[in-house]
Amino acid sequence: MRKLQICLHGFGGAVFRRPSLRDGGAPVNLVPIGAGIGMALAAGLCGLGQGRATASATEALARNPGARAGIQLLLVLGLAFIESLTLFTLVIIFAKVK
């Protein structure tokens, strides 16, 4: 674990080192990079969540086809909530990047 921490610390220092100190003091704006990484994480993890929800609903329908209406309603509601997390992330990113 200690080796991983050292490697990640070195990688972070190499990637996010401030080149402005060598360029005469011009500031570097890292907000767009952070916004892109944040949106990628939000979209990817919401996609994983939607996949797991769909898989669970499909399994539930295979076990009990008579409960289709209730399962479908809860699946659509859950997918809407999961997708709203990505949209909220997008709104926050647009508010911060200004």
N, C-alpha and C. Protein backbone atom coordinates (compact mmCIF):
# COMPACT_ATOMS: atom_id res chain seq x y z
N MET A 1 0.82 -1.19 0.00
CA MET A 1 0.00 0.00 0.00
C MET A 1 0.87 1.25 0.00
N ARG A 2 1.95 1.20 0.69
CA ARG A 2 2.83 2.36 0.77
C ARG A 2 3.44 2.66 -0.60
N LYS A 3 3.79 1.61 -1.35
CA LYS A 3 4.36 1.82 -2.69
C LYS A 3 3.35 2.48 -3.61
N LEU A 4 2.07 2.07 -3.50
CA LEU A 4 1.02 2.69 -4.31
C LEU A 4 0.87 4.17 -3.97
N GLN A 5 0.90 4.51 -2.70
CA GLN A 5 0.80 5.91 -2.30
C GLN A 5 1.96 6.72 -2.85
N ILE A 6 3.15 6.16 -2.80
CA ILE A 6 4.32 6.88 -3.31
C ILE A 6 4.20 7.07 -4.82
N CYS A 7 3.75 6.03 -5.54
CA CYS A 7 3.59 6.14 -6.99
C CYS A 7 2.54 7.18 -7.36
N LEU A 8 1.40 7.15 -6.67
CA LEU A 8 0.34 8.11 -6.97
C LEU A 8 0.76 9.54 -6.62
N HIS A 9 1.48 9.69 -5.55
CA HIS A 9 1.97 11.02 -5.18
C HIS A 9 2.96 11.55 -6.23
N GLY A 10 3.84 10.69 -6.68
CA GLY A 10 4.78 11.10 -7.73
C GLY A 10 4.09 11.42 -9.03
N PHE A 11 3.08 10.62 -9.39
CA PHE A 11 2.32 10.88 -10.62
C PHE A 11 1.57 12.20 -10.51
N GLY A 12 0.94 12.43 -9.37
CA GLY A 12 0.21 13.69 -9.19
C GLY A 12 1.14 14.89 -9.24
N GLY A 13 2.32 14.76 -8.66
CA GLY A 13 3.29 15.85 -8.70
C GLY A 13 3.77 16.12 -10.11
N ALA A 14 3.94 15.07 -10.90
CA ALA A 14 4.41 15.24 -12.28
C ALA A 14 3.33 15.83 -13.17
N VAL A 15 2.08 15.43 -12.96
CA VAL A 15 1.00 15.89 -13.82
C VAL A 15 0.53 17.28 -13.45
N PHE A 16 0.38 17.54 -12.16
CA PHE A 16 -0.21 18.79 -11.74
C PHE A 16 0.80 19.80 -11.20
N ARG A 17 2.05 19.63 -11.53
CA ARG A 17 3.06 20.60 -11.11
C ARG A 17 2.75 21.92 -11.81
N ARG A 18 2.94 22.99 -11.11
CA ARG A 18 2.61 24.30 -11.67
C ARG A 18 3.71 24.77 -12.60
N PRO A 19 3.46 24.71 -13.90
CA PRO A 19 4.48 25.20 -14.83
C PRO A 19 4.56 26.73 -14.83
N SER A 20 3.63 27.38 -14.13
CA SER A 20 3.63 28.84 -14.13
C SER A 20 4.88 29.41 -13.45
N LEU A 21 5.50 28.65 -12.59
CA LEU A 21 6.70 29.14 -11.93
C LEU A 21 7.87 29.26 -12.92
N ARG A 22 7.86 28.45 -13.96
CA ARG A 22 8.92 28.52 -14.97
C ARG A 22 8.56 29.49 -16.09
N ASP A 23 7.28 29.76 -16.29
CA ASP A 23 6.84 30.58 -17.42
C ASP A 23 6.68 32.05 -17.08
N GLY A 24 7.17 32.48 -15.99
CA GLY A 24 7.09 33.89 -15.65
C GLY A 24 5.88 34.25 -14.82
N GLY A 25 5.21 33.29 -14.21
CA GLY A 25 4.12 33.60 -13.30
C GLY A 25 2.74 33.55 -13.91
N ALA A 26 2.55 33.04 -15.13
CA ALA A 26 1.22 32.94 -15.72
C ALA A 26 0.45 31.83 -15.00
N PRO A 27 -0.73 32.14 -14.47
CA PRO A 27 -1.47 31.11 -13.73
C PRO A 27 -2.03 30.03 -14.65
N VAL A 28 -2.13 28.83 -14.14
CA VAL A 28 -2.68 27.70 -14.88
C VAL A 28 -4.05 27.39 -14.32
N ASN A 29 -5.04 27.34 -15.19
CA ASN A 29 -6.41 27.06 -14.77
C ASN A 29 -6.67 25.57 -14.89
N LEU A 30 -6.79 24.87 -13.76
CA LEU A 30 -7.04 23.44 -13.76
C LEU A 30 -8.52 23.10 -13.59
N VAL A 31 -9.38 24.10 -13.52
CA VAL A 31 -10.81 23.86 -13.33
C VAL A 31 -11.42 23.06 -14.48
N PRO A 32 -11.13 23.37 -15.75
CA PRO A 32 -11.72 22.57 -16.83
C PRO A 32 -11.27 21.10 -16.81
N ILE A 33 -10.03 20.87 -16.40
CA ILE A 33 -9.55 19.49 -16.32
C ILE A 33 -10.31 18.74 -15.21
N GLY A 34 -10.45 19.38 -14.08
CA GLY A 34 -11.21 18.78 -12.98
C GLY A 34 -12.67 18.57 -13.34
N ALA A 35 -13.25 19.51 -14.09
CA ALA A 35 -14.64 19.37 -14.52
C ALA A 35 -14.80 18.18 -15.45
N GLY A 36 -13.86 18.01 -16.35
CA GLY A 36 -13.92 16.87 -17.26
C GLY A 36 -13.78 15.54 -16.54
N ILE A 37 -12.86 15.49 -15.59
CA ILE A 37 -12.69 14.26 -14.81
C ILE A 37 -13.93 13.98 -13.97
N GLY A 38 -14.49 15.02 -13.37
CA GLY A 38 -15.69 14.85 -12.55
C GLY A 38 -16.89 14.37 -13.37
N MET A 39 -17.06 14.93 -14.56
CA MET A 39 -18.18 14.51 -15.40
C MET A 39 -17.98 13.09 -15.90
N ALA A 40 -16.74 12.73 -16.21
CA ALA A 40 -16.46 11.36 -16.66
C ALA A 40 -16.76 10.36 -15.54
N LEU A 41 -16.35 10.68 -14.32
CA LEU A 41 -16.65 9.81 -13.20
C LEU A 41 -18.16 9.69 -12.96
N ALA A 42 -18.85 10.81 -12.99
CA ALA A 42 -20.29 10.78 -12.74
C ALA A 42 -21.01 9.97 -13.81
N ALA A 43 -20.68 10.19 -15.07
CA ALA A 43 -21.35 9.47 -16.15
C ALA A 43 -21.02 7.99 -16.11
N GLY A 44 -19.77 7.66 -15.85
CA GLY A 44 -19.38 6.26 -15.82
C GLY A 44 -20.02 5.51 -14.68
N LEU A 45 -20.01 6.10 -13.49
CA LEU A 45 -20.59 5.42 -12.34
C LEU A 45 -22.11 5.35 -12.43
N CYS A 46 -22.74 6.37 -13.01
CA CYS A 46 -24.19 6.28 -13.21
C CYS A 46 -24.52 5.21 -14.24
N GLY A 47 -23.68 5.06 -15.25
CA GLY A 47 -23.88 3.99 -16.22
C GLY A 47 -23.78 2.62 -15.57
N LEU A 48 -22.81 2.45 -14.68
CA LEU A 48 -22.71 1.18 -13.95
C LEU A 48 -23.95 0.94 -13.08
N GLY A 49 -24.41 1.98 -12.43
CA GLY A 49 -25.61 1.85 -11.60
C GLY A 49 -26.84 1.50 -12.41
N GLN A 50 -26.97 2.10 -13.59
CA GLN A 50 -28.11 1.79 -14.45
C GLN A 50 -28.04 0.35 -14.96
N GLY A 51 -26.84 -0.10 -15.25
CA GLY A 51 -26.68 -1.49 -15.69
C GLY A 51 -27.06 -2.48 -14.61
N ARG A 52 -26.64 -2.19 -13.38
CA ARG A 52 -26.98 -3.09 -12.27
C ARG A 52 -28.48 -3.06 -11.99
N ALA A 53 -29.10 -1.89 -12.08
CA ALA A 53 -30.54 -1.79 -11.84
C ALA A 53 -31.32 -2.56 -12.91
N THR A 54 -30.89 -2.43 -14.16
CA THR A 54 -31.56 -3.14 -15.24
C THR A 54 -31.38 -4.64 -15.10
N ALA A 55 -30.18 -5.07 -14.73
CA ALA A 55 -29.94 -6.50 -14.55
C ALA A 55 -30.81 -7.06 -13.42
N SER A 56 -30.93 -6.31 -12.34
CA SER A 56 -31.76 -6.77 -11.22
C SER A 56 -33.23 -6.83 -11.60
N ALA A 57 -33.69 -5.84 -12.37
CA ALA A 57 -35.09 -5.85 -12.80
C ALA A 57 -35.36 -7.00 -13.75
N THR A 58 -34.42 -7.29 -14.63
CA THR A 58 -34.59 -8.41 -15.55
C THR A 58 -34.63 -9.73 -14.79
N GLU A 59 -33.77 -9.87 -13.80
CA GLU A 59 -33.78 -11.09 -12.99
C GLU A 59 -35.09 -11.22 -12.21
N ALA A 60 -35.58 -10.10 -11.68
CA ALA A 60 -36.84 -10.14 -10.95
C ALA A 60 -38.00 -10.51 -11.86
N LEU A 61 -37.99 -10.01 -13.10
CA LEU A 61 -39.04 -10.37 -14.05
C LEU A 61 -38.97 -11.84 -14.45
N ALA A 62 -37.75 -12.36 -14.53
CA ALA A 62 -37.61 -13.77 -14.87
C ALA A 62 -38.13 -14.66 -13.75
N ARG A 63 -38.00 -14.21 -12.51
CA ARG A 63 -38.47 -15.01 -11.37
C ARG A 63 -39.98 -14.89 -11.16
N ASN A 64 -40.52 -13.69 -11.42
CA ASN A 64 -41.94 -13.46 -11.15
C ASN A 64 -42.53 -12.59 -12.27
N PRO A 65 -42.92 -13.18 -13.38
CA PRO A 65 -43.46 -12.38 -14.49
C PRO A 65 -44.76 -11.67 -14.15
N GLY A 66 -45.46 -12.12 -13.14
CA GLY A 66 -46.73 -11.50 -12.77
C GLY A 66 -46.56 -10.12 -12.15
N ALA A 67 -45.39 -9.81 -11.67
CA ALA A 67 -45.15 -8.52 -11.02
C ALA A 67 -44.54 -7.51 -11.99
N ARG A 68 -44.82 -7.67 -13.27
CA ARG A 68 -44.19 -6.83 -14.29
C ARG A 68 -44.49 -5.35 -14.11
N ALA A 69 -45.73 -5.01 -13.84
CA ALA A 69 -46.11 -3.59 -13.74
C ALA A 69 -45.38 -2.88 -12.61
N GLY A 70 -45.34 -3.49 -11.45
CA GLY A 70 -44.66 -2.88 -10.31
C GLY A 70 -43.17 -2.78 -10.51
N ILE A 71 -42.58 -3.84 -11.06
CA ILE A 71 -41.13 -3.83 -11.30
C ILE A 71 -40.76 -2.79 -12.34
N GLN A 72 -41.56 -2.69 -13.40
CA GLN A 72 -41.27 -1.74 -14.46
C GLN A 72 -41.39 -0.30 -13.95
N LEU A 73 -42.40 -0.04 -13.14
CA LEU A 73 -42.56 1.30 -12.58
C LEU A 73 -41.37 1.69 -11.72
N LEU A 74 -40.96 0.79 -10.83
CA LEU A 74 -39.83 1.09 -9.96
C LEU A 74 -38.52 1.18 -10.74
N LEU A 75 -38.38 0.38 -11.80
CA LEU A 75 -37.18 0.44 -12.63
C LEU A 75 -37.07 1.80 -13.32
N VAL A 76 -38.14 2.25 -13.92
CA VAL A 76 -38.12 3.55 -14.61
C VAL A 76 -37.88 4.69 -13.62
N LEU A 77 -38.50 4.62 -12.46
CA LEU A 77 -38.28 5.64 -11.44
C LEU A 77 -36.83 5.65 -10.97
N GLY A 78 -36.29 4.47 -10.72
CA GLY A 78 -34.89 4.38 -10.29
C GLY A 78 -33.92 4.86 -11.35
N LEU A 79 -34.17 4.51 -12.62
CA LEU A 79 -33.30 4.97 -13.70
C LEU A 79 -33.37 6.49 -13.85
N ALA A 80 -34.54 7.06 -13.64
CA ALA A 80 -34.66 8.53 -13.70
C ALA A 80 -33.85 9.19 -12.59
N PHE A 81 -33.90 8.63 -11.39
CA PHE A 81 -33.10 9.19 -10.28
C PHE A 81 -31.61 9.05 -10.56
N ILE A 82 -31.20 7.92 -11.08
CA ILE A 82 -29.77 7.72 -11.38
C ILE A 82 -29.31 8.70 -12.45
N GLU A 83 -30.12 8.88 -13.49
CA GLU A 83 -29.74 9.81 -14.56
C GLU A 83 -29.74 11.25 -14.07
N SER A 84 -30.61 11.56 -13.12
CA SER A 84 -30.63 12.93 -12.59
C SER A 84 -29.33 13.27 -11.88
N LEU A 85 -28.66 12.29 -11.30
CA LEU A 85 -27.37 12.56 -10.66
C LEU A 85 -26.35 13.06 -11.68
N THR A 86 -26.34 12.47 -12.86
CA THR A 86 -25.43 12.92 -13.91
C THR A 86 -25.80 14.33 -14.36
N LEU A 87 -27.07 14.59 -14.50
CA LEU A 87 -27.49 15.93 -14.94
C LEU A 87 -27.17 16.98 -13.88
N PHE A 88 -27.33 16.64 -12.61
CA PHE A 88 -26.96 17.58 -11.54
C PHE A 88 -25.46 17.86 -11.57
N THR A 89 -24.68 16.83 -11.83
CA THR A 89 -23.23 17.02 -11.94
C THR A 89 -22.91 17.96 -13.09
N LEU A 90 -23.58 17.78 -14.21
CA LEU A 90 -23.36 18.65 -15.37
C LEU A 90 -23.70 20.10 -15.05
N VAL A 91 -24.81 20.32 -14.35
CA VAL A 91 -25.21 21.68 -13.98
C VAL A 91 -24.18 22.31 -13.04
N ILE A 92 -23.71 21.55 -12.06
CA ILE A 92 -22.71 22.07 -11.12
C ILE A 92 -21.42 22.40 -11.85
N ILE A 93 -21.03 21.56 -12.81
CA ILE A 93 -19.80 21.81 -13.56
C ILE A 93 -19.94 23.08 -14.38
N PHE A 94 -21.07 23.27 -15.03
CA PHE A 94 -21.26 24.50 -15.81
C PHE A 94 -21.27 25.73 -14.91
N ALA A 95 -21.77 25.59 -13.70
CA ALA A 95 -21.79 26.72 -12.77
C ALA A 95 -20.37 27.05 -12.28
N LYS A 96 -19.52 26.03 -12.12
CA LYS A 96 -18.17 26.26 -11.60
C LYS A 96 -17.19 26.71 -12.66
N VAL A 97 -17.37 26.29 -13.93
CA VAL A 97 -16.39 26.56 -14.97
C VAL A 97 -16.47 28.00 -15.45
N LYS A 98 -17.55 28.69 -15.23
CA LYS A 98 -17.72 30.07 -15.70
C LYS A 98 -16.48 30.89 -15.55
